[in-house]
Amino acid sequence: MSAPCEVAVKCVLPAVRAMIAKELMEKHHMKQVQAARFMRVSQPAISLYRRKIRGKAIDLENDEDVSRLISQMTEALVKNNSSHK
C-alpha cells in the first residue's frame, strides 16, 4: 500500500503541473520552452503534459474548485514574474 505522500507525488503533482502548463500556454500565450523555463522543468516534460501522456493518472480539470485555484495561482505567479516573455 502506498503512503499518501507517494500518491500525491505520483498522481496529483503531475496533474497539477499539467494544468499549470496548459494555463501558461493557452491563457498566457507561452511557448513550450517558455513554460518549461517558467516552471523549471524540461521542454519535453511540457510536451508530455500537453499531450496528456504525463499527468493523466488523475483528472483534476473537471473539478471546478481545483481549476479555479490553479488558474488563480498561475495568474499570480505570472504577474509576480514578468520575465517570462
PDB file of N, CA and C in Angstrom:
ATOM      1  N   MET A   1       0.839  -1.177   0.000  1.00  0.00           N
ATOM      2  CA  MET A   1       0.000   0.000   0.000  1.00  0.00           C
ATOM      3  C   MET A   1       0.889   1.247   0.000  1.00  0.00           C
ATOM      4  N   SER A   2       0.551   2.202  -0.834  1.00  0.00           N
ATOM      5  CA  SER A   2       1.329   3.436  -0.957  1.00  0.00           C
ATOM      6  C   SER A   2       0.950   4.425   0.135  1.00  0.00           C
ATOM      7  N   ALA A   3       1.943   5.153   0.585  1.00  0.00           N
ATOM      8  CA  ALA A   3       1.693   6.222   1.549  1.00  0.00           C
ATOM      9  C   ALA A   3       1.011   7.381   0.826  1.00  0.00           C
ATOM     10  N   PRO A   4       0.221   8.167   1.552  1.00  0.00           N
ATOM     11  CA  PRO A   4      -0.464   9.292   0.905  1.00  0.00           C
ATOM     12  C   PRO A   4       0.477  10.243   0.166  1.00  0.00           C
ATOM     13  N   CYS A   5       1.668  10.463   0.729  1.00  0.00           N
ATOM     14  CA  CYS A   5       2.599  11.374   0.054  1.00  0.00           C
ATOM     15  C   CYS A   5       3.097  10.777  -1.262  1.00  0.00           C
ATOM     16  N   GLU A   6       3.217   9.447  -1.339  1.00  0.00           N
ATOM     17  CA  GLU A   6       3.624   8.803  -2.591  1.00  0.00           C
ATOM     18  C   GLU A   6       2.556   8.989  -3.660  1.00  0.00           C
ATOM     19  N   VAL A   7       1.303   8.836  -3.273  1.00  0.00           N
ATOM     20  CA  VAL A   7       0.197   9.022  -4.212  1.00  0.00           C
ATOM     21  C   VAL A   7       0.183  10.459  -4.714  1.00  0.00           C
ATOM     22  N   ALA A   8       0.395  11.401  -3.801  1.00  0.00           N
ATOM     23  CA  ALA A   8       0.405  12.814  -4.194  1.00  0.00           C
ATOM     24  C   ALA A   8       1.512  13.096  -5.197  1.00  0.00           C
ATOM     25  N   VAL A   9       2.702  12.566  -4.944  1.00  0.00           N
ATOM     26  CA  VAL A   9       3.843  12.832  -5.824  1.00  0.00           C
ATOM     27  C   VAL A   9       3.675  12.152  -7.173  1.00  0.00           C
ATOM     28  N   LYS A  10       3.112  10.960  -7.197  1.00  0.00           N
ATOM     29  CA  LYS A  10       2.990  10.203  -8.446  1.00  0.00           C
ATOM     30  C   LYS A  10       1.750  10.560  -9.257  1.00  0.00           C
ATOM     31  N   CYS A  11       0.693  11.004  -8.597  1.00  0.00           N
ATOM     32  CA  CYS A  11      -0.567  11.241  -9.309  1.00  0.00           C
ATOM     33  C   CYS A  11      -1.010  12.705  -9.314  1.00  0.00           C
ATOM     34  N   VAL A  12      -1.081  13.296  -8.145  1.00  0.00           N
ATOM     35  CA  VAL A  12      -1.643  14.642  -8.029  1.00  0.00           C
ATOM     36  C   VAL A  12      -0.690  15.705  -8.567  1.00  0.00           C
ATOM     37  N   LEU A  13       0.561  15.661  -8.157  1.00  0.00           N
ATOM     38  CA  LEU A  13       1.525  16.677  -8.582  1.00  0.00           C
ATOM     39  C   LEU A  13       1.672  16.763 -10.104  1.00  0.00           C
ATOM     40  N   PRO A  14       1.817  15.642 -10.821  1.00  0.00           N
ATOM     41  CA  PRO A  14       1.882  15.742 -12.287  1.00  0.00           C
ATOM     42  C   PRO A  14       0.597  16.315 -12.908  1.00  0.00           C
ATOM     43  N   ALA A  15      -0.546  15.989 -12.323  1.00  0.00           N
ATOM     44  CA  ALA A  15      -1.807  16.526 -12.846  1.00  0.00           C
ATOM     45  C   ALA A  15      -1.873  18.039 -12.652  1.00  0.00           C
ATOM     46  N   VAL A  16      -1.406  18.509 -11.506  1.00  0.00           N
ATOM     47  CA  VAL A  16      -1.377  19.952 -11.238  1.00  0.00           C
ATOM     48  C   VAL A  16      -0.394  20.640 -12.180  1.00  0.00           C
ATOM     49  N   ARG A  17       0.775  20.041 -12.353  1.00  0.00           N
ATOM     50  CA  ARG A  17       1.760  20.616 -13.284  1.00  0.00           C
ATOM     51  C   ARG A  17       1.194  20.686 -14.700  1.00  0.00           C
ATOM     52  N   ALA A  18       0.475  19.655 -15.108  1.00  0.00           N
ATOM     53  CA  ALA A  18      -0.124  19.646 -16.448  1.00  0.00           C
ATOM     54  C   ALA A  18      -1.123  20.788 -16.599  1.00  0.00           C
ATOM     55  N   MET A  19      -1.908  21.032 -15.561  1.00  0.00           N
ATOM     56  CA  MET A  19      -2.879  22.119 -15.619  1.00  0.00           C
ATOM     57  C   MET A  19      -2.187  23.478 -15.661  1.00  0.00           C
ATOM     58  N   ILE A  20      -1.117  23.624 -14.899  1.00  0.00           N
ATOM     59  CA  ILE A  20      -0.366  24.883 -14.909  1.00  0.00           C
ATOM     60  C   ILE A  20       0.257  25.110 -16.282  1.00  0.00           C
ATOM     61  N   ALA A  21       0.838  24.066 -16.847  1.00  0.00           N
ATOM     62  CA  ALA A  21       1.442  24.179 -18.181  1.00  0.00           C
ATOM     63  C   ALA A  21       0.392  24.594 -19.210  1.00  0.00           C
ATOM     64  N   LYS A  22      -0.778  23.992 -19.128  1.00  0.00           N
ATOM     65  CA  LYS A  22      -1.864  24.323 -20.059  1.00  0.00           C
ATOM     66  C   LYS A  22      -2.272  25.790 -19.909  1.00  0.00           C
ATOM     67  N   GLU A  23      -2.413  26.250 -18.673  1.00  0.00           N
ATOM     68  CA  GLU A  23      -2.760  27.656 -18.417  1.00  0.00           C
ATOM     69  C   GLU A  23      -1.711  28.603 -18.998  1.00  0.00           C
ATOM     70  N   LEU A  24      -0.452  28.280 -18.768  1.00  0.00           N
ATOM     71  CA  LEU A  24       0.626  29.143 -19.253  1.00  0.00           C
ATOM     72  C   LEU A  24       0.619  29.243 -20.773  1.00  0.00           C
ATOM     73  N   MET A  25       0.374  28.127 -21.437  1.00  0.00           N
ATOM     74  CA  MET A  25       0.409  28.131 -22.900  1.00  0.00           C
ATOM     75  C   MET A  25      -0.857  28.717 -23.512  1.00  0.00           C
ATOM     76  N   GLU A  26      -2.010  28.416 -22.929  1.00  0.00           N
ATOM     77  CA  GLU A  26      -3.264  28.873 -23.535  1.00  0.00           C
ATOM     78  C   GLU A  26      -3.648  30.289 -23.125  1.00  0.00           C
ATOM     79  N   LYS A  27      -3.586  30.596 -21.850  1.00  0.00           N
ATOM     80  CA  LYS A  27      -4.044  31.903 -21.382  1.00  0.00           C
ATOM     81  C   LYS A  27      -2.954  32.965 -21.374  1.00  0.00           C
ATOM     82  N   HIS A  28      -1.712  32.535 -21.256  1.00  0.00           N
ATOM     83  CA  HIS A  28      -0.611  33.497 -21.195  1.00  0.00           C
ATOM     84  C   HIS A  28       0.272  33.420 -22.430  1.00  0.00           C
ATOM     85  N   HIS A  29      -0.159  32.644 -23.400  1.00  0.00           N
ATOM     86  CA  HIS A  29       0.461  32.557 -24.725  1.00  0.00           C
ATOM     87  C   HIS A  29       1.955  32.253 -24.692  1.00  0.00           C
ATOM     88  N   MET A  30       2.344  31.396 -23.766  1.00  0.00           N
ATOM     89  CA  MET A  30       3.747  30.982 -23.715  1.00  0.00           C
ATOM     90  C   MET A  30       3.964  29.793 -24.637  1.00  0.00           C
ATOM     91  N   LYS A  31       5.141  29.718 -25.196  1.00  0.00           N
ATOM     92  CA  LYS A  31       5.539  28.539 -25.960  1.00  0.00           C
ATOM     93  C   LYS A  31       6.004  27.488 -24.958  1.00  0.00           C
ATOM     94  N   GLN A  32       6.158  26.254 -25.432  1.00  0.00           N
ATOM     95  CA  GLN A  32       6.561  25.173 -24.543  1.00  0.00           C
ATOM     96  C   GLN A  32       7.875  25.479 -23.832  1.00  0.00           C
ATOM     97  N   VAL A  33       8.829  26.033 -24.555  1.00  0.00           N
ATOM     98  CA  VAL A  33      10.136  26.343 -23.961  1.00  0.00           C
ATOM     99  C   VAL A  33       9.984  27.398 -22.865  1.00  0.00           C
ATOM    100  N   GLN A  34       9.160  28.405 -23.116  1.00  0.00           N
ATOM    101  CA  GLN A  34       8.942  29.451 -22.116  1.00  0.00           C
ATOM    102  C   GLN A  34       8.255  28.885 -20.874  1.00  0.00           C
ATOM    103  N   ALA A  35       7.237  28.061 -21.086  1.00  0.00           N
ATOM    104  CA  ALA A  35       6.533  27.443 -19.957  1.00  0.00           C
ATOM    105  C   ALA A  35       7.476  26.546 -19.165  1.00  0.00           C
ATOM    106  N   ALA A  36       8.329  25.827 -19.869  1.00  0.00           N
ATOM    107  CA  ALA A  36       9.291  24.942 -19.203  1.00  0.00           C
ATOM    108  C   ALA A  36      10.246  25.746 -18.328  1.00  0.00           C
ATOM    109  N   ARG A  37      10.774  26.831 -18.858  1.00  0.00           N
ATOM    110  CA  ARG A  37      11.673  27.678 -18.066  1.00  0.00           C
ATOM    111  C   ARG A  37      10.945  28.268 -16.865  1.00  0.00           C
ATOM    112  N   PHE A  38       9.726  28.714 -17.098  1.00  0.00           N
ATOM    113  CA  PHE A  38       8.932  29.317 -16.033  1.00  0.00           C
ATOM    114  C   PHE A  38       8.680  28.318 -14.906  1.00  0.00           C
ATOM    115  N   MET A  39       8.373  27.072 -15.290  1.00  0.00           N
ATOM    116  CA  MET A  39       8.062  26.035 -14.302  1.00  0.00           C
ATOM    117  C   MET A  39       9.302  25.293 -13.802  1.00  0.00           C
ATOM    118  N   ARG A  40      10.444  25.581 -14.435  1.00  0.00           N
ATOM    119  CA  ARG A  40      11.701  24.915 -14.094  1.00  0.00           C
ATOM    120  C   ARG A  40      11.616  23.400 -14.295  1.00  0.00           C
ATOM    121  N   VAL A  41      11.055  23.043 -15.444  1.00  0.00           N
ATOM    122  CA  VAL A  41      11.033  21.655 -15.903  1.00  0.00           C
ATOM    123  C   VAL A  41      11.560  21.654 -17.330  1.00  0.00           C
ATOM    124  N   SER A  42      11.714  20.485 -17.904  1.00  0.00           N
ATOM    125  CA  SER A  42      12.228  20.407 -19.269  1.00  0.00           C
ATOM    126  C   SER A  42      11.114  20.656 -20.286  1.00  0.00           C
ATOM    127  N   GLN A  43      11.502  21.067 -21.478  1.00  0.00           N
ATOM    128  CA  GLN A  43      10.528  21.246 -22.558  1.00  0.00           C
ATOM    129  C   GLN A  43       9.858  19.926 -22.908  1.00  0.00           C
ATOM    130  N   PRO A  44      10.598  18.790 -22.942  1.00  0.00           N
ATOM    131  CA  PRO A  44       9.910  17.521 -23.197  1.00  0.00           C
ATOM    132  C   PRO A  44       8.845  17.188 -22.142  1.00  0.00           C
ATOM    133  N   ALA A  45       9.071  17.590 -20.896  1.00  0.00           N
ATOM    134  CA  ALA A  45       8.054  17.365 -19.861  1.00  0.00           C
ATOM    135  C   ALA A  45       6.785  18.146 -20.191  1.00  0.00           C
ATOM    136  N   ILE A  46       6.944  19.384 -20.638  1.00  0.00           N
ATOM    137  CA  ILE A  46       5.790  20.204 -21.027  1.00  0.00           C
ATOM    138  C   ILE A  46       5.054  19.545 -22.189  1.00  0.00           C
ATOM    139  N   SER A  47       5.799  19.015 -23.140  1.00  0.00           N
ATOM    140  CA  SER A  47       5.194  18.323 -24.276  1.00  0.00           C
ATOM    141  C   SER A  47       4.380  17.117 -23.807  1.00  0.00           C
ATOM    142  N   LEU A  48       4.916  16.373 -22.858  1.00  0.00           N
ATOM    143  CA  LEU A  48       4.196  15.208 -22.326  1.00  0.00           C
ATOM    144  C   LEU A  48       2.941  15.635 -21.574  1.00  0.00           C
ATOM    145  N   TYR A  49       3.011  16.737 -20.824  1.00  0.00           N
ATOM    146  CA  TYR A  49       1.818  17.256 -20.145  1.00  0.00           C
ATOM    147  C   TYR A  49       0.776  17.676 -21.174  1.00  0.00           C
ATOM    148  N   ARG A  50       1.225  18.345 -22.214  1.00  0.00           N
ATOM    149  CA  ARG A  50       0.309  18.857 -23.242  1.00  0.00           C
ATOM    150  C   ARG A  50      -0.404  17.732 -23.982  1.00  0.00           C
ATOM    151  N   ARG A  51       0.328  16.652 -24.248  1.00  0.00           N
ATOM    152  CA  ARG A  51      -0.262  15.514 -24.966  1.00  0.00           C
ATOM    153  C   ARG A  51      -0.967  14.534 -24.034  1.00  0.00           C
ATOM    154  N   LYS A  52      -1.041  14.893 -22.758  1.00  0.00           N
ATOM    155  CA  LYS A  52      -1.706  14.089 -21.731  1.00  0.00           C
ATOM    156  C   LYS A  52      -1.098  12.701 -21.577  1.00  0.00           C
ATOM    157  N   ILE A  53       0.211  12.623 -21.802  1.00  0.00           N
ATOM    158  CA  ILE A  53       0.934  11.382 -21.557  1.00  0.00           C
ATOM    159  C   ILE A  53       1.407  11.373 -20.107  1.00  0.00           C
ATOM    160  N   ARG A  54       1.781  12.525 -19.604  1.00  0.00           N
ATOM    161  CA  ARG A  54       2.179  12.678 -18.207  1.00  0.00           C
ATOM    162  C   ARG A  54       1.101  13.514 -17.527  1.00  0.00           C
ATOM    163  N   GLY A  55       0.765  13.162 -16.307  1.00  0.00           N
ATOM    164  CA  GLY A  55      -0.239  13.921 -15.565  1.00  0.00           C
ATOM    165  C   GLY A  55      -1.654  13.468 -15.815  1.00  0.00           C
ATOM    166  N   LYS A  56      -1.826  12.253 -16.313  1.00  0.00           N
ATOM    167  CA  LYS A  56      -3.172  11.771 -16.644  1.00  0.00           C
ATOM    168  C   LYS A  56      -3.736  10.800 -15.611  1.00  0.00           C
ATOM    169  N   ALA A  57      -2.961  10.462 -14.579  1.00  0.00           N
ATOM    170  CA  ALA A  57      -3.398   9.465 -13.601  1.00  0.00           C
ATOM    171  C   ALA A  57      -4.657   9.903 -12.863  1.00  0.00           C
ATOM    172  N   ILE A  58      -4.796  11.200 -12.673  1.00  0.00           N
ATOM    173  CA  ILE A  58      -5.983  11.734 -12.011  1.00  0.00           C
ATOM    174  C   ILE A  58      -6.442  12.962 -12.797  1.00  0.00           C
ATOM    175  N   ASP A  59      -7.734  13.038 -13.061  1.00  0.00           N
ATOM    176  CA  ASP A  59      -8.272  14.145 -13.851  1.00  0.00           C
ATOM    177  C   ASP A  59      -8.804  15.220 -12.913  1.00  0.00           C
ATOM    178  N   LEU A  60      -8.036  16.266 -12.763  1.00  0.00           N
ATOM    179  CA  LEU A  60      -8.439  17.374 -11.897  1.00  0.00           C
ATOM    180  C   LEU A  60      -9.120  18.490 -12.670  1.00  0.00           C
ATOM    181  N   GLU A  61      -9.059  18.443 -13.994  1.00  0.00           N
ATOM    182  CA  GLU A  61      -9.617  19.527 -14.811  1.00  0.00           C
ATOM    183  C   GLU A  61     -11.128  19.647 -14.676  1.00  0.00           C
ATOM    184  N   ASN A  62     -11.800  18.561 -14.343  1.00  0.00           N
ATOM    185  CA  ASN A  62     -13.257  18.601 -14.213  1.00  0.00           C
ATOM    186  C   ASN A  62     -13.708  19.107 -12.851  1.00  0.00           C
ATOM    187  N   ASP A  63     -12.790  19.268 -11.930  1.00  0.00           N
ATOM    188  CA  ASP A  63     -13.109  19.800 -10.609  1.00  0.00           C
ATOM    189  C   ASP A  63     -13.033  21.325 -10.679  1.00  0.00           C
ATOM    190  N   GLU A  64     -14.184  21.970 -10.563  1.00  0.00           N
ATOM    191  CA  GLU A  64     -14.251  23.427 -10.718  1.00  0.00           C
ATOM    192  C   GLU A  64     -13.403  24.163  -9.690  1.00  0.00           C
ATOM    193  N   ASP A  65     -13.401  23.681  -8.451  1.00  0.00           N
ATOM    194  CA  ASP A  65     -12.624  24.342  -7.400  1.00  0.00           C
ATOM    195  C   ASP A  65     -11.132  24.258  -7.683  1.00  0.00           C
ATOM    196  N   VAL A  66     -10.671  23.086  -8.073  1.00  0.00           N
ATOM    197  CA  VAL A  66      -9.250  22.901  -8.378  1.00  0.00           C
ATOM    198  C   VAL A  66      -8.870  23.749  -9.587  1.00  0.00           C
ATOM    199  N   SER A  67      -9.695  23.730 -10.617  1.00  0.00           N
ATOM    200  CA  SER A  67      -9.412  24.520 -11.822  1.00  0.00           C
ATOM    201  C   SER A  67      -9.322  26.006 -11.503  1.00  0.00           C
ATOM    202  N   ARG A  68     -10.239  26.473 -10.682  1.00  0.00           N
ATOM    203  CA  ARG A  68     -10.237  27.890 -10.296  1.00  0.00           C
ATOM    204  C   ARG A  68      -8.975  28.231  -9.508  1.00  0.00           C
ATOM    205  N   LEU A  69      -8.600  27.373  -8.563  1.00  0.00           N
ATOM    206  CA  LEU A  69      -7.397  27.615  -7.761  1.00  0.00           C
ATOM    207  C   LEU A  69      -6.133  27.592  -8.614  1.00  0.00           C
ATOM    208  N   ILE A  70      -6.052  26.646  -9.544  1.00  0.00           N
ATOM    209  CA  ILE A  70      -4.889  26.566 -10.438  1.00  0.00           C
ATOM    210  C   ILE A  70      -4.811  27.830 -11.288  1.00  0.00           C
ATOM    211  N   SER A  71      -5.950  28.277 -11.794  1.00  0.00           N
ATOM    212  CA  SER A  71      -5.986  29.483 -12.620  1.00  0.00           C
ATOM    213  C   SER A  71      -5.536  30.706 -11.821  1.00  0.00           C
ATOM    214  N   GLN A  72      -6.040  30.848 -10.603  1.00  0.00           N
ATOM    215  CA  GLN A  72      -5.657  31.976  -9.751  1.00  0.00           C
ATOM    216  C   GLN A  72      -4.171  31.928  -9.404  1.00  0.00           C
ATOM    217  N   MET A  73      -3.691  30.738  -9.071  1.00  0.00           N
ATOM    218  CA  MET A  73      -2.289  30.585  -8.705  1.00  0.00           C
ATOM    219  C   MET A  73      -1.384  30.910  -9.892  1.00  0.00           C
ATOM    220  N   THR A  74      -1.738  30.404 -11.074  1.00  0.00           N
ATOM    221  CA  THR A  74      -0.938  30.660 -12.265  1.00  0.00           C
ATOM    222  C   THR A  74      -0.928  32.145 -12.598  1.00  0.00           C
ATOM    223  N   GLU A  75      -2.069  32.774 -12.490  1.00  0.00           N
ATOM    224  CA  GLU A  75      -2.167  34.218 -12.745  1.00  0.00           C
ATOM    225  C   GLU A  75      -1.258  34.995 -11.798  1.00  0.00           C
ATOM    226  N   ALA A  76      -1.274  34.642 -10.527  1.00  0.00           N
ATOM    227  CA  ALA A  76      -0.433  35.322  -9.538  1.00  0.00           C
ATOM    228  C   ALA A  76       1.050  35.087  -9.821  1.00  0.00           C
ATOM    229  N   LEU A  77       1.405  33.868 -10.188  1.00  0.00           N
ATOM    230  CA  LEU A  77       2.804  33.558 -10.493  1.00  0.00           C
ATOM    231  C   LEU A  77       3.297  34.354 -11.698  1.00  0.00           C
ATOM    232  N   VAL A  78       2.482  34.433 -12.730  1.00  0.00           N
ATOM    233  CA  VAL A  78       2.866  35.174 -13.937  1.00  0.00           C
ATOM    234  C   VAL A  78       2.982  36.665 -13.623  1.00  0.00           C
ATOM    235  N   LYS A  79       2.039  37.170 -12.857  1.00  0.00           N
ATOM    236  CA  LYS A  79       2.057  38.589 -12.505  1.00  0.00           C
ATOM    237  C   LYS A  79       3.304  38.940 -11.686  1.00  0.00           C
ATOM    238  N   ASN A  80       3.703  38.051 -10.792  1.00  0.00           N
ATOM    239  CA  ASN A  80       4.872  38.304  -9.938  1.00  0.00           C
ATOM    240  C   ASN A  80       6.192  38.038 -10.638  1.00  0.00           C
ATOM    241  N   ASN A  81       6.153  37.380 -11.786  1.00  0.00           N
ATOM    242  CA  ASN A  81       7.382  37.058 -12.521  1.00  0.00           C
ATOM    243  C   ASN A  81       7.185  37.440 -13.974  1.00  0.00           C
ATOM    244  N   SER A  82       7.289  38.708 -14.260  1.00  0.00           N
ATOM    245  CA  SER A  82       7.010  39.199 -15.612  1.00  0.00           C
ATOM    246  C   SER A  82       8.139  38.930 -16.594  1.00  0.00           C
ATOM    247  N   SER A  83       9.159  38.187 -16.195  1.00  0.00           N
ATOM    248  CA  SER A  83      10.295  37.916 -17.089  1.00  0.00           C
ATOM    249  C   SER A  83      10.036  36.744 -18.021  1.00  0.00           C
ATOM    250  N   HIS A  84       8.810  36.226 -18.114  1.00  0.00           N
ATOM    251  CA  HIS A  84       8.519  35.065 -18.959  1.00  0.00           C
ATOM    252  C   HIS A  84       8.510  35.391 -20.443  1.00  0.00           C
ATOM    253  N   LYS A  85       8.502  36.645 -20.820  1.00  0.00           N
ATOM    254  CA  LYS A  85       8.436  36.995 -22.242  1.00  0.00           C
ATOM    255  C   LYS A  85       9.752  37.110 -22.853  1.00  0.00           C
TER     256      LYS A  85
END
